[in-house]
Amino acid sequence: MQGVDRAARDAGGEASGFAVSLPARGGSGSPGLCYPDVGLVVAAGRVPLHLPLRLPGPGELEALLAGYRSASGFAGVVFVVEEPGVGEVVRAAAARLGMGEVVHVQSAEISPTDRFARVGRA
């Protein structure tokens, strides 16, 4: 298994294979590209990992998922979420697009005591 992250992409690395086209938004008139936060290459294909920090805006998540649906070579899409509500929105959008089998939501619940217990440790 190999990994590709945003830093590699920003440095001109191999993350371009993880980009998906998004439809034009607003008045820009041109489509954009979306890159995952982390990309894994496994035997079955590419697996993008998204780490959403907020609830996606209206149509934003559906556009992203539709981009993966129309692209080839992806073995699945993983969303790692801290807030259960974000995971529910992702699951619902995937189901609406018929992608429930390939979109996976993983909880990353961290209690407040866990977050701060490590602060200051080497």
PDB file of N, CA and C in Angstrom:
ATOM      1  N   MET A   1       0.854  -1.170   0.000  1.00  0.00           N
ATOM      2  CA  MET A   1       0.000   0.000   0.000  1.00  0.00           C
ATOM      3  C   MET A   1       0.895   1.226   0.000  1.00  0.00           C
ATOM      4  N   GLN A   2       0.567   2.174  -0.844  1.00  0.00           N
ATOM      5  CA  GLN A   2       1.298   3.432  -0.905  1.00  0.00           C
ATOM      6  C   GLN A   2       0.349   4.552  -0.527  1.00  0.00           C
ATOM      7  N   GLY A   3       0.892   5.627   0.009  1.00  0.00           N
ATOM      8  CA  GLY A   3       0.078   6.775   0.357  1.00  0.00           C
ATOM      9  C   GLY A   3       0.548   8.021  -0.355  1.00  0.00           C
ATOM     10  N   VAL A   4      -0.388   8.901  -0.646  1.00  0.00           N
ATOM     11  CA  VAL A   4      -0.096  10.191  -1.259  1.00  0.00           C
ATOM     12  C   VAL A   4      -0.883  11.221  -0.474  1.00  0.00           C
ATOM     13  N   ASP A   5      -0.245  12.307  -0.062  1.00  0.00           N
ATOM     14  CA  ASP A   5      -0.972  13.305   0.703  1.00  0.00           C
ATOM     15  C   ASP A   5      -0.966  14.648  -0.005  1.00  0.00           C
ATOM     16  N   ARG A   6      -1.625  15.619   0.589  1.00  0.00           N
ATOM     17  CA  ARG A   6      -1.724  16.952  -0.014  1.00  0.00           C
ATOM     18  C   ARG A   6      -0.364  17.583  -0.223  1.00  0.00           C
ATOM     19  N   ALA A   7       0.567  17.354   0.669  1.00  0.00           N
ATOM     20  CA  ALA A   7       1.903  17.948   0.520  1.00  0.00           C
ATOM     21  C   ALA A   7       2.555  17.438  -0.759  1.00  0.00           C
ATOM     22  N   ALA A   8       2.398  16.156  -1.062  1.00  0.00           N
ATOM     23  CA  ALA A   8       2.963  15.601  -2.297  1.00  0.00           C
ATOM     24  C   ALA A   8       2.295  16.234  -3.507  1.00  0.00           C
ATOM     25  N   ARG A   9       0.990  16.393  -3.439  1.00  0.00           N
ATOM     26  CA  ARG A   9       0.268  17.011  -4.548  1.00  0.00           C
ATOM     27  C   ARG A   9       0.728  18.441  -4.751  1.00  0.00           C
ATOM     28  N   ASP A  10       0.823  19.192  -3.671  1.00  0.00           N
ATOM     29  CA  ASP A  10       1.224  20.590  -3.768  1.00  0.00           C
ATOM     30  C   ASP A  10       2.642  20.744  -4.287  1.00  0.00           C
ATOM     31  N   ALA A  11       3.452  19.738  -4.078  1.00  0.00           N
ATOM     32  CA  ALA A  11       4.830  19.778  -4.563  1.00  0.00           C
ATOM     33  C   ALA A  11       4.951  19.195  -5.966  1.00  0.00           C
ATOM     34  N   GLY A  12       3.810  18.956  -6.623  1.00  0.00           N
ATOM     35  CA  GLY A  12       3.832  18.412  -7.975  1.00  0.00           C
ATOM     36  C   GLY A  12       3.987  16.914  -8.011  1.00  0.00           C
ATOM     37  N   GLY A  13       3.635  16.247  -6.919  1.00  0.00           N
ATOM     38  CA  GLY A  13       3.801  14.789  -6.826  1.00  0.00           C
ATOM     39  C   GLY A  13       2.735  14.035  -7.573  1.00  0.00           C
ATOM     40  N   GLU A  14       2.594  12.759  -7.250  1.00  0.00           N
ATOM     41  CA  GLU A  14       1.743  11.849  -7.991  1.00  0.00           C
ATOM     42  C   GLU A  14       0.277  11.880  -7.593  1.00  0.00           C
ATOM     43  N   ALA A  15      -0.144  12.852  -6.829  1.00  0.00           N
ATOM     44  CA  ALA A  15      -1.529  12.891  -6.375  1.00  0.00           C
ATOM     45  C   ALA A  15      -2.505  13.232  -7.490  1.00  0.00           C
ATOM     46  N   SER A  16      -2.007  13.647  -8.655  1.00  0.00           N
ATOM     47  CA  SER A  16      -2.921  14.021  -9.730  1.00  0.00           C
ATOM     48  C   SER A  16      -3.848  12.866 -10.115  1.00  0.00           C
ATOM     49  N   GLY A  17      -3.434  11.628  -9.913  1.00  0.00           N
ATOM     50  CA  GLY A  17      -4.292  10.480 -10.197  1.00  0.00           C
ATOM     51  C   GLY A  17      -5.475  10.383  -9.263  1.00  0.00           C
ATOM     52  N   PHE A  18      -5.500  11.194  -8.244  1.00  0.00           N
ATOM     53  CA  PHE A  18      -6.604  11.194  -7.283  1.00  0.00           C
ATOM     54  C   PHE A  18      -7.578  12.338  -7.522  1.00  0.00           C
ATOM     55  N   ALA A  19      -7.256  13.255  -8.424  1.00  0.00           N
ATOM     56  CA  ALA A  19      -8.117  14.398  -8.687  1.00  0.00           C
ATOM     57  C   ALA A  19      -9.385  13.944  -9.395  1.00  0.00           C
ATOM     58  N   VAL A  20     -10.516  14.528  -9.014  1.00  0.00           N
ATOM     59  CA  VAL A  20     -11.771  14.293  -9.722  1.00  0.00           C
ATOM     60  C   VAL A  20     -12.316  15.637 -10.178  1.00  0.00           C
ATOM     61  N   SER A  21     -12.946  15.622 -11.325  1.00  0.00           N
ATOM     62  CA  SER A  21     -13.527  16.841 -11.876  1.00  0.00           C
ATOM     63  C   SER A  21     -14.823  17.173 -11.164  1.00  0.00           C
ATOM     64  N   LEU A  22     -14.975  18.452 -10.896  1.00  0.00           N
ATOM     65  CA  LEU A  22     -16.212  18.950 -10.306  1.00  0.00           C
ATOM     66  C   LEU A  22     -16.869  19.872 -11.315  1.00  0.00           C
ATOM     67  N   PRO A  23     -18.202  19.910 -11.354  1.00  0.00           N
ATOM     68  CA  PRO A  23     -18.870  20.825 -12.270  1.00  0.00           C
ATOM     69  C   PRO A  23     -18.597  22.276 -11.880  1.00  0.00           C
ATOM     70  N   ALA A  24     -18.777  23.176 -12.834  1.00  0.00           N
ATOM     71  CA  ALA A  24     -18.577  24.605 -12.572  1.00  0.00           C
ATOM     72  C   ALA A  24     -19.497  25.040 -11.446  1.00  0.00           C
ATOM     73  N   ARG A  25     -18.967  25.861 -10.564  1.00  0.00           N
ATOM     74  CA  ARG A  25     -19.750  26.380  -9.429  1.00  0.00           C
ATOM     75  C   ARG A  25     -19.823  27.889  -9.535  1.00  0.00           C
ATOM     76  N   GLY A  26     -20.964  28.417  -9.174  1.00  0.00           N
ATOM     77  CA  GLY A  26     -21.115  29.861  -9.193  1.00  0.00           C
ATOM     78  C   GLY A  26     -21.002  30.408 -10.606  1.00  0.00           C
ATOM     79  N   GLY A  27     -20.388  31.547 -10.745  1.00  0.00           N
ATOM     80  CA  GLY A  27     -20.261  32.183 -12.049  1.00  0.00           C
ATOM     81  C   GLY A  27     -18.944  31.921 -12.727  1.00  0.00           C
ATOM     82  N   SER A  28     -18.133  31.004 -12.220  1.00  0.00           N
ATOM     83  CA  SER A  28     -16.804  30.789 -12.787  1.00  0.00           C
ATOM     84  C   SER A  28     -16.859  30.213 -14.197  1.00  0.00           C
ATOM     85  N   GLY A  29     -17.879  29.404 -14.483  1.00  0.00           N
ATOM     86  CA  GLY A  29     -18.031  28.851 -15.817  1.00  0.00           C
ATOM     87  C   GLY A  29     -17.074  27.736 -16.161  1.00  0.00           C
ATOM     88  N   SER A  30     -16.101  27.435 -15.318  1.00  0.00           N
ATOM     89  CA  SER A  30     -15.170  26.359 -15.626  1.00  0.00           C
ATOM     90  C   SER A  30     -15.175  25.344 -14.499  1.00  0.00           C
ATOM     91  N   PRO A  31     -15.050  24.071 -14.870  1.00  0.00           N
ATOM     92  CA  PRO A  31     -15.037  23.041 -13.831  1.00  0.00           C
ATOM     93  C   PRO A  31     -13.746  23.108 -13.013  1.00  0.00           C
ATOM     94  N   GLY A  32     -13.799  22.546 -11.838  1.00  0.00           N
ATOM     95  CA  GLY A  32     -12.621  22.514 -10.983  1.00  0.00           C
ATOM     96  C   GLY A  32     -12.198  21.087 -10.717  1.00  0.00           C
ATOM     97  N   LEU A  33     -11.112  20.960  -9.977  1.00  0.00           N
ATOM     98  CA  LEU A  33     -10.634  19.654  -9.554  1.00  0.00           C
ATOM     99  C   LEU A  33     -10.688  19.598  -8.047  1.00  0.00           C
ATOM    100  N   CYS A  34     -10.945  18.423  -7.530  1.00  0.00           N
ATOM    101  CA  CYS A  34     -10.919  18.208  -6.088  1.00  0.00           C
ATOM    102  C   CYS A  34      -9.940  17.089  -5.798  1.00  0.00           C
ATOM    103  N   TYR A  35      -9.104  17.297  -4.798  1.00  0.00           N
ATOM    104  CA  TYR A  35      -8.139  16.299  -4.354  1.00  0.00           C
ATOM    105  C   TYR A  35      -8.522  15.839  -2.951  1.00  0.00           C
ATOM    106  N   PRO A  36      -8.337  14.573  -2.649  1.00  0.00           N
ATOM    107  CA  PRO A  36      -8.601  14.115  -1.282  1.00  0.00           C
ATOM    108  C   PRO A  36      -7.503  14.597  -0.344  1.00  0.00           C
ATOM    109  N   ASP A  37      -7.763  14.502   0.943  1.00  0.00           N
ATOM    110  CA  ASP A  37      -6.748  14.859   1.933  1.00  0.00           C
ATOM    111  C   ASP A  37      -5.599  13.860   1.911  1.00  0.00           C
ATOM    112  N   VAL A  38      -5.913  12.607   1.711  1.00  0.00           N
ATOM    113  CA  VAL A  38      -4.914  11.542   1.626  1.00  0.00           C
ATOM    114  C   VAL A  38      -5.378  10.563   0.556  1.00  0.00           C
ATOM    115  N   GLY A  39      -4.451  10.011  -0.186  1.00  0.00           N
ATOM    116  CA  GLY A  39      -4.789   9.007  -1.177  1.00  0.00           C
ATOM    117  C   GLY A  39      -3.997   7.740  -0.926  1.00  0.00           C
ATOM    118  N   LEU A  40      -4.664   6.616  -0.974  1.00  0.00           N
ATOM    119  CA  LEU A  40      -3.999   5.322  -0.816  1.00  0.00           C
ATOM    120  C   LEU A  40      -4.081   4.555  -2.120  1.00  0.00           C
ATOM    121  N   VAL A  41      -3.009   3.861  -2.435  1.00  0.00           N
ATOM    122  CA  VAL A  41      -3.003   2.966  -3.591  1.00  0.00           C
ATOM    123  C   VAL A  41      -2.925   1.549  -3.041  1.00  0.00           C
ATOM    124  N   VAL A  42      -3.981   0.778  -3.303  1.00  0.00           N
ATOM    125  CA  VAL A  42      -4.054  -0.603  -2.839  1.00  0.00           C
ATOM    126  C   VAL A  42      -4.224  -1.503  -4.059  1.00  0.00           C
ATOM    127  N   ALA A  43      -4.168  -2.796  -3.856  1.00  0.00           N
ATOM    128  CA  ALA A  43      -4.268  -3.738  -4.971  1.00  0.00           C
ATOM    129  C   ALA A  43      -5.541  -3.530  -5.789  1.00  0.00           C
ATOM    130  N   ALA A  44      -6.648  -3.188  -5.143  1.00  0.00           N
ATOM    131  CA  ALA A  44      -7.924  -3.019  -5.833  1.00  0.00           C
ATOM    132  C   ALA A  44      -8.030  -1.701  -6.593  1.00  0.00           C
ATOM    133  N   GLY A  45      -7.146  -0.746  -6.320  1.00  0.00           N
ATOM    134  CA  GLY A  45      -7.196   0.552  -6.986  1.00  0.00           C
ATOM    135  C   GLY A  45      -6.883   1.688  -6.032  1.00  0.00           C
ATOM    136  N   ARG A  46      -7.282   2.870  -6.432  1.00  0.00           N
ATOM    137  CA  ARG A  46      -7.032   4.067  -5.617  1.00  0.00           C
ATOM    138  C   ARG A  46      -8.165   4.269  -4.616  1.00  0.00           C
ATOM    139  N   VAL A  47      -7.800   4.704  -3.408  1.00  0.00           N
ATOM    140  CA  VAL A  47      -8.777   4.962  -2.350  1.00  0.00           C
ATOM    141  C   VAL A  47      -8.513   6.356  -1.793  1.00  0.00           C
ATOM    142  N   PRO A  48      -9.347   7.326  -2.144  1.00  0.00           N
ATOM    143  CA  PRO A  48      -9.191   8.663  -1.576  1.00  0.00           C
ATOM    144  C   PRO A  48      -9.788   8.725  -0.173  1.00  0.00           C
ATOM    145  N   LEU A  49      -9.086   9.413   0.729  1.00  0.00           N
ATOM    146  CA  LEU A  49      -9.580   9.641   2.088  1.00  0.00           C
ATOM    147  C   LEU A  49      -9.846  11.126   2.262  1.00  0.00           C
ATOM    148  N   HIS A  50     -11.054  11.445   2.681  1.00  0.00           N
ATOM    149  CA  HIS A  50     -11.438  12.834   2.942  1.00  0.00           C
ATOM    150  C   HIS A  50     -11.626  13.000   4.445  1.00  0.00           C
ATOM    151  N   LEU A  51     -11.142  14.107   4.953  1.00  0.00           N
ATOM    152  CA  LEU A  51     -11.236  14.428   6.379  1.00  0.00           C
ATOM    153  C   LEU A  51     -12.022  15.736   6.520  1.00  0.00           C
ATOM    154  N   PRO A  52     -13.336  15.695   6.339  1.00  0.00           N
ATOM    155  CA  PRO A  52     -14.115  16.937   6.360  1.00  0.00           C
ATOM    156  C   PRO A  52     -14.137  17.567   7.752  1.00  0.00           C
ATOM    157  N   LEU A  53     -13.830  18.837   7.796  1.00  0.00           N
ATOM    158  CA  LEU A  53     -13.827  19.568   9.061  1.00  0.00           C
ATOM    159  C   LEU A  53     -15.158  20.260   9.323  1.00  0.00           C
ATOM    160  N   ARG A  54     -15.992  20.285   8.311  1.00  0.00           N
ATOM    161  CA  ARG A  54     -17.285  20.950   8.436  1.00  0.00           C
ATOM    162  C   ARG A  54     -18.296  20.193   7.593  1.00  0.00           C
ATOM    163  N   LEU A  55     -19.547  20.494   7.785  1.00  0.00           N
ATOM    164  CA  LEU A  55     -20.602  19.916   6.978  1.00  0.00           C
ATOM    165  C   LEU A  55     -20.512  20.516   5.576  1.00  0.00           C
ATOM    166  N   PRO A  56     -20.449  19.698   4.536  1.00  0.00           N
ATOM    167  CA  PRO A  56     -20.357  20.237   3.175  1.00  0.00           C
ATOM    168  C   PRO A  56     -21.569  21.090   2.837  1.00  0.00           C
ATOM    169  N   GLY A  57     -21.355  22.090   1.999  1.00  0.00           N
ATOM    170  CA  GLY A  57     -22.439  22.968   1.574  1.00  0.00           C
ATOM    171  C   GLY A  57     -23.402  22.260   0.636  1.00  0.00           C
ATOM    172  N   PRO A  58     -24.563  22.891   0.376  1.00  0.00           N
ATOM    173  CA  PRO A  58     -25.565  22.281  -0.510  1.00  0.00           C
ATOM    174  C   PRO A  58     -24.964  21.960  -1.881  1.00  0.00           C
ATOM    175  N   GLY A  59     -25.124  20.747  -2.304  1.00  0.00           N
ATOM    176  CA  GLY A  59     -24.631  20.328  -3.615  1.00  0.00           C
ATOM    177  C   GLY A  59     -23.151  20.009  -3.676  1.00  0.00           C
ATOM    178  N   GLU A  60     -22.394  20.455  -2.692  1.00  0.00           N
ATOM    179  CA  GLU A  60     -20.939  20.261  -2.694  1.00  0.00           C
ATOM    180  C   GLU A  60     -20.570  18.781  -2.590  1.00  0.00           C
ATOM    181  N   LEU A  61     -21.175  18.095  -1.662  1.00  0.00           N
ATOM    182  CA  LEU A  61     -20.877  16.678  -1.451  1.00  0.00           C
ATOM    183  C   LEU A  61     -21.354  15.835  -2.633  1.00  0.00           C
ATOM    184  N   GLU A  62     -22.569  16.129  -3.130  1.00  0.00           N
ATOM    185  CA  GLU A  62     -23.094  15.384  -4.267  1.00  0.00           C
ATOM    186  C   GLU A  62     -22.202  15.558  -5.492  1.00  0.00           C
ATOM    187  N   ALA A  63     -21.683  16.769  -5.713  1.00  0.00           N
ATOM    188  CA  ALA A  63     -20.791  17.014  -6.854  1.00  0.00           C
ATOM    189  C   ALA A  63     -19.504  16.204  -6.710  1.00  0.00           C
ATOM    190  N   LEU A  64     -18.965  16.165  -5.500  1.00  0.00           N
ATOM    191  CA  LEU A  64     -17.748  15.398  -5.261  1.00  0.00           C
ATOM    192  C   LEU A  64     -17.990  13.910  -5.507  1.00  0.00           C
ATOM    193  N   LEU A  65     -19.058  13.376  -4.937  1.00  0.00           N
ATOM    194  CA  LEU A  65     -19.353  11.960  -5.110  1.00  0.00           C
ATOM    195  C   LEU A  65     -19.644  11.625  -6.570  1.00  0.00           C
ATOM    196  N   ALA A  66     -20.353  12.498  -7.263  1.00  0.00           N
ATOM    197  CA  ALA A  66     -20.634  12.274  -8.685  1.00  0.00           C
ATOM    198  C   ALA A  66     -19.325  12.261  -9.477  1.00  0.00           C
ATOM    199  N   GLY A  67     -18.361  13.076  -9.077  1.00  0.00           N
ATOM    200  CA  GLY A  67     -17.055  13.058  -9.727  1.00  0.00           C
ATOM    201  C   GLY A  67     -16.373  11.716  -9.577  1.00  0.00           C
ATOM    202  N   TYR A  68     -16.437  11.139  -8.384  1.00  0.00           N
ATOM    203  CA  TYR A  68     -15.857   9.808  -8.180  1.00  0.00           C
ATOM    204  C   TYR A  68     -16.635   8.750  -8.957  1.00  0.00           C
ATOM    205  N   ARG A  69     -17.959   8.897  -9.006  1.00  0.00           N
ATOM    206  CA  ARG A  69     -18.778   7.910  -9.720  1.00  0.00           C
ATOM    207  C   ARG A  69     -18.426   7.877 -11.210  1.00  0.00           C
ATOM    208  N   SER A  70     -18.133   9.037 -11.786  1.00  0.00           N
ATOM    209  CA  SER A  70     -17.833   9.089 -13.223  1.00  0.00           C
ATOM    210  C   SER A  70     -16.365   8.810 -13.539  1.00  0.00           C
ATOM    211  N   ALA A  71     -15.498   8.812 -12.536  1.00  0.00           N
ATOM    212  CA  ALA A  71     -14.075   8.544 -12.752  1.00  0.00           C
ATOM    213  C   ALA A  71     -13.828   7.045 -12.705  1.00  0.00           C
ATOM    214  N   SER A  72     -12.688   6.628 -13.215  1.00  0.00           N
ATOM    215  CA  SER A  72     -12.363   5.206 -13.178  1.00  0.00           C
ATOM    216  C   SER A  72     -11.137   4.969 -12.299  1.00  0.00           C
ATOM    217  N   GLY A  73     -10.999   3.743 -11.852  1.00  0.00           N
ATOM    218  CA  GLY A  73      -9.815   3.344 -11.092  1.00  0.00           C
ATOM    219  C   GLY A  73      -9.899   3.550  -9.595  1.00  0.00           C
ATOM    220  N   PHE A  74     -11.065   3.950  -9.094  1.00  0.00           N
ATOM    221  CA  PHE A  74     -11.222   4.128  -7.649  1.00  0.00           C
ATOM    222  C   PHE A  74     -11.863   2.883  -7.050  1.00  0.00           C
ATOM    223  N   ALA A  75     -11.241   2.347  -6.007  1.00  0.00           N
ATOM    224  CA  ALA A  75     -11.763   1.161  -5.341  1.00  0.00           C
ATOM    225  C   ALA A  75     -12.829   1.512  -4.308  1.00  0.00           C
ATOM    226  N   GLY A  76     -12.886   2.746  -3.905  1.00  0.00           N
ATOM    227  CA  GLY A  76     -13.832   3.217  -2.907  1.00  0.00           C
ATOM    228  C   GLY A  76     -13.440   4.613  -2.484  1.00  0.00           C
ATOM    229  N   VAL A  77     -14.259   5.214  -1.645  1.00  0.00           N
ATOM    230  CA  VAL A  77     -14.000   6.547  -1.104  1.00  0.00           C
ATOM    231  C   VAL A  77     -14.257   6.467   0.394  1.00  0.00           C
ATOM    232  N   VAL A  78     -13.341   7.006   1.186  1.00  0.00           N
ATOM    233  CA  VAL A  78     -13.478   6.966   2.643  1.00  0.00           C
ATOM    234  C   VAL A  78     -13.563   8.382   3.191  1.00  0.00           C
ATOM    235  N   PHE A  79     -14.517   8.605   4.069  1.00  0.00           N
ATOM    236  CA  PHE A  79     -14.647   9.870   4.792  1.00  0.00           C
ATOM    237  C   PHE A  79     -14.411   9.564   6.262  1.00  0.00           C
ATOM    238  N   VAL A  80     -13.443  10.208   6.862  1.00  0.00           N
ATOM    239  CA  VAL A  80     -13.164  10.062   8.288  1.00  0.00           C
ATOM    240  C   VAL A  80     -13.733  11.302   8.961  1.00  0.00           C
ATOM    241  N   VAL A  81     -14.730  11.112   9.810  1.00  0.00           N
ATOM    242  CA  VAL A  81     -15.459  12.238  10.401  1.00  0.00           C
ATOM    243  C   VAL A  81     -15.417  12.173  11.919  1.00  0.00           C
ATOM    244  N   GLU A  82     -15.403  13.332  12.521  1.00  0.00           N
ATOM    245  CA  GLU A  82     -15.482  13.399  13.980  1.00  0.00           C
ATOM    246  C   GLU A  82     -16.921  13.592  14.431  1.00  0.00           C
ATOM    247  N   GLU A  83     -17.678  14.386  13.693  1.00  0.00           N
ATOM    248  CA  GLU A  83     -19.064  14.675  14.057  1.00  0.00           C
ATOM    249  C   GLU A  83     -19.999  13.656  13.418  1.00  0.00           C
ATOM    250  N   PRO A  84     -20.808  12.959  14.200  1.00  0.00           N
ATOM    251  CA  PRO A  84     -21.722  11.958  13.639  1.00  0.00           C
ATOM    252  C   PRO A  84     -22.660  12.531  12.576  1.00  0.00           C
ATOM    253  N   GLY A  85     -23.076  13.784  12.735  1.00  0.00           N
ATOM    254  CA  GLY A  85     -23.976  14.403  11.764  1.00  0.00           C
ATOM    255  C   GLY A  85     -23.363  14.512  10.380  1.00  0.00           C
ATOM    256  N   VAL A  86     -22.066  14.755  10.321  1.00  0.00           N
ATOM    257  CA  VAL A  86     -21.382  14.827   9.025  1.00  0.00           C
ATOM    258  C   VAL A  86     -21.400  13.449   8.365  1.00  0.00           C
ATOM    259  N   GLY A  87     -21.149  12.420   9.137  1.00  0.00           N
ATOM    260  CA  GLY A  87     -21.194  11.060   8.601  1.00  0.00           C
ATOM    261  C   GLY A  87     -22.569  10.695   8.072  1.00  0.00           C
ATOM    262  N   GLU A  88     -23.621  11.118   8.777  1.00  0.00           N
ATOM    263  CA  GLU A  88     -24.985  10.837   8.329  1.00  0.00           C
ATOM    264  C   GLU A  88     -25.268  11.518   6.996  1.00  0.00           C
ATOM    265  N   VAL A  89     -24.799  12.749   6.829  1.00  0.00           N
ATOM    266  CA  VAL A  89     -24.996  13.483   5.575  1.00  0.00           C
ATOM    267  C   VAL A  89     -24.252  12.783   4.437  1.00  0.00           C
ATOM    268  N   VAL A  90     -23.038  12.341   4.695  1.00  0.00           N
ATOM    269  CA  VAL A  90     -22.248  11.640   3.677  1.00  0.00           C
ATOM    270  C   VAL A  90     -22.950  10.342   3.268  1.00  0.00           C
ATOM    271  N   ARG A  91     -23.385   9.561   4.248  1.00  0.00           N
ATOM    272  CA  ARG A  91     -24.070   8.301   3.940  1.00  0.00           C
ATOM    273  C   ARG A  91     -25.344   8.537   3.118  1.00  0.00           C
ATOM    274  N   ALA A  92     -26.119   9.553   3.498  1.00  0.00           N
ATOM    275  CA  ALA A  92     -27.371   9.853   2.791  1.00  0.00           C
ATOM    276  C   ALA A  92     -27.091  10.275   1.350  1.00  0.00           C
ATOM    277  N   ALA A  93     -26.091  11.116   1.145  1.00  0.00           N
ATOM    278  CA  ALA A  93     -25.749  11.558  -0.212  1.00  0.00           C
ATOM    279  C   ALA A  93     -25.278  10.368  -1.053  1.00  0.00           C
ATOM    280  N   ALA A  94     -24.460   9.498  -0.466  1.00  0.00           N
ATOM    281  CA  ALA A  94     -23.982   8.318  -1.185  1.00  0.00           C
ATOM    282  C   ALA A  94     -25.155   7.416  -1.568  1.00  0.00           C
ATOM    283  N   ALA A  95     -26.102   7.241  -0.672  1.00  0.00           N
ATOM    284  CA  ALA A  95     -27.266   6.402  -0.962  1.00  0.00           C
ATOM    285  C   ALA A  95     -28.101   7.006  -2.090  1.00  0.00           C
ATOM    286  N   ARG A  96     -28.301   8.327  -2.064  1.00  0.00           N
ATOM    287  CA  ARG A  96     -29.072   8.988  -3.122  1.00  0.00           C
ATOM    288  C   ARG A  96     -28.433   8.784  -4.490  1.00  0.00           C
ATOM    289  N   LEU A  97     -27.112   8.724  -4.524  1.00  0.00           N
ATOM    290  CA  LEU A  97     -26.400   8.572  -5.793  1.00  0.00           C
ATOM    291  C   LEU A  97     -26.113   7.112  -6.140  1.00  0.00           C
ATOM    292  N   GLY A  98     -26.620   6.187  -5.326  1.00  0.00           N
ATOM    293  CA  GLY A  98     -26.399   4.763  -5.582  1.00  0.00           C
ATOM    294  C   GLY A  98     -24.963   4.337  -5.331  1.00  0.00           C
ATOM    295  N   MET A  99     -24.292   5.023  -4.408  1.00  0.00           N
ATOM    296  CA  MET A  99     -22.881   4.743  -4.130  1.00  0.00           C
ATOM    297  C   MET A  99     -22.653   4.207  -2.725  1.00  0.00           C
ATOM    298  N   GLY A 100     -23.705   3.757  -2.080  1.00  0.00           N
ATOM    299  CA  GLY A 100     -23.593   3.285  -0.704  1.00  0.00           C
ATOM    300  C   GLY A 100     -22.596   2.163  -0.505  1.00  0.00           C
ATOM    301  N   GLU A 101     -22.367   1.359  -1.529  1.00  0.00           N
ATOM    302  CA  GLU A 101     -21.431   0.235  -1.418  1.00  0.00           C
ATOM    303  C   GLU A 101     -19.970   0.658  -1.510  1.00  0.00           C
ATOM    304  N   VAL A 102     -19.686   1.807  -2.102  1.00  0.00           N
ATOM    305  CA  VAL A 102     -18.287   2.219  -2.323  1.00  0.00           C
ATOM    306  C   VAL A 102     -17.865   3.416  -1.489  1.00  0.00           C
ATOM    307  N   VAL A 103     -18.820   4.073  -0.837  1.00  0.00           N
ATOM    308  CA  VAL A 103     -18.501   5.205   0.040  1.00  0.00           C
ATOM    309  C   VAL A 103     -18.574   4.717   1.480  1.00  0.00           C
ATOM    310  N   HIS A 104     -17.481   4.882   2.197  1.00  0.00           N
ATOM    311  CA  HIS A 104     -17.387   4.398   3.569  1.00  0.00           C
ATOM    312  C   HIS A 104     -17.146   5.568   4.513  1.00  0.00           C
ATOM    313  N   VAL A 105     -17.831   5.553   5.643  1.00  0.00           N
ATOM    314  CA  VAL A 105     -17.672   6.587   6.659  1.00  0.00           C
ATOM    315  C   VAL A 105     -17.059   5.944   7.890  1.00  0.00           C
ATOM    316  N   GLN A 106     -15.985   6.523   8.348  1.00  0.00           N
ATOM    317  CA  GLN A 106     -15.295   6.022   9.538  1.00  0.00           C
ATOM    318  C   GLN A 106     -15.322   7.106  10.610  1.00  0.00           C
ATOM    319  N   SER A 107     -15.715   6.750  11.796  1.00  0.00           N
ATOM    320  CA  SER A 107     -15.744   7.695  12.910  1.00  0.00           C
ATOM    321  C   SER A 107     -14.344   7.902  13.474  1.00  0.00           C
ATOM    322  N   ALA A 108     -14.048   9.143  13.796  1.00  0.00           N
ATOM    323  CA  ALA A 108     -12.771   9.478  14.432  1.00  0.00           C
ATOM    324  C   ALA A 108     -13.066  10.247  15.708  1.00  0.00           C
ATOM    325  N   GLU A 109     -13.971   9.719  16.498  1.00  0.00           N
ATOM    326  CA  GLU A 109     -14.374  10.399  17.722  1.00  0.00           C
ATOM    327  C   GLU A 109     -13.216  10.457  18.702  1.00  0.00           C
ATOM    328  N   ILE A 110     -12.943  11.648  19.155  1.00  0.00           N
ATOM    329  CA  ILE A 110     -11.876  11.882  20.130  1.00  0.00           C
ATOM    330  C   ILE A 110     -12.497  12.681  21.267  1.00  0.00           C
ATOM    331  N   SER A 111     -12.400  12.172  22.463  1.00  0.00           N
ATOM    332  CA  SER A 111     -12.996  12.884  23.583  1.00  0.00           C
ATOM    333  C   SER A 111     -12.146  14.105  23.925  1.00  0.00           C
ATOM    334  N   PRO A 112     -12.756  15.144  24.504  1.00  0.00           N
ATOM    335  CA  PRO A 112     -11.992  16.344  24.867  1.00  0.00           C
ATOM    336  C   PRO A 112     -10.805  16.035  25.784  1.00  0.00           C
ATOM    337  N   THR A 113     -10.949  15.056  26.655  1.00  0.00           N
ATOM    338  CA  THR A 113      -9.827  14.734  27.540  1.00  0.00           C
ATOM    339  C   THR A 113      -8.686  14.097  26.763  1.00  0.00           C
ATOM    340  N   ASP A 114      -9.005  13.302  25.741  1.00  0.00           N
ATOM    341  CA  ASP A 114      -7.959  12.718  24.900  1.00  0.00           C
ATOM    342  C   ASP A 114      -7.211  13.792  24.130  1.00  0.00           C
ATOM    343  N   ARG A 115      -7.928  14.781  23.632  1.00  0.00           N
ATOM    344  CA  ARG A 115      -7.309  15.844  22.845  1.00  0.00           C
ATOM    345  C   ARG A 115      -6.253  16.582  23.641  1.00  0.00           C
ATOM    346  N   PHE A 116      -6.594  16.908  24.869  1.00  0.00           N
ATOM    347  CA  PHE A 116      -5.708  17.772  25.635  1.00  0.00           C
ATOM    348  C   PHE A 116      -4.729  17.017  26.540  1.00  0.00           C
ATOM    349  N   ALA A 117      -4.949  15.738  26.695  1.00  0.00           N
ATOM    350  CA  ALA A 117      -4.045  14.947  27.535  1.00  0.00           C
ATOM    351  C   ALA A 117      -2.659  14.870  26.911  1.00  0.00           C
ATOM    352  N   ARG A 118      -2.597  14.948  25.594  1.00  0.00           N
ATOM    353  CA  ARG A 118      -1.320  14.822  24.909  1.00  0.00           C
ATOM    354  C   ARG A 118      -0.616  16.147  24.691  1.00  0.00           C
ATOM    355  N   VAL A 119      -1.301  17.256  24.899  1.00  0.00           N
ATOM    356  CA  VAL A 119      -0.681  18.571  24.694  1.00  0.00           C
ATOM    357  C   VAL A 119       0.487  18.747  25.652  1.00  0.00           C
ATOM    358  N   GLY A 120       1.605  19.129  25.123  1.00  0.00           N
ATOM    359  CA  GLY A 120       2.775  19.365  25.950  1.00  0.00           C
ATOM    360  C   GLY A 120       3.676  18.145  26.105  1.00  0.00           C
ATOM    361  N   ARG A 121       3.212  17.013  25.621  1.00  0.00           N
ATOM    362  CA  ARG A 121       4.049  15.811  25.686  1.00  0.00           C
ATOM    363  C   ARG A 121       4.952  15.741  24.480  1.00  0.00           C
ATOM    364  N   ALA A 122       6.130  15.170  24.668  1.00  0.00           N
ATOM    365  CA  ALA A 122       7.052  15.030  23.534  1.00  0.00           C
ATOM    366  C   ALA A 122       6.787  13.758  22.799  1.00  0.00           C
TER     367      ALA A 122
END
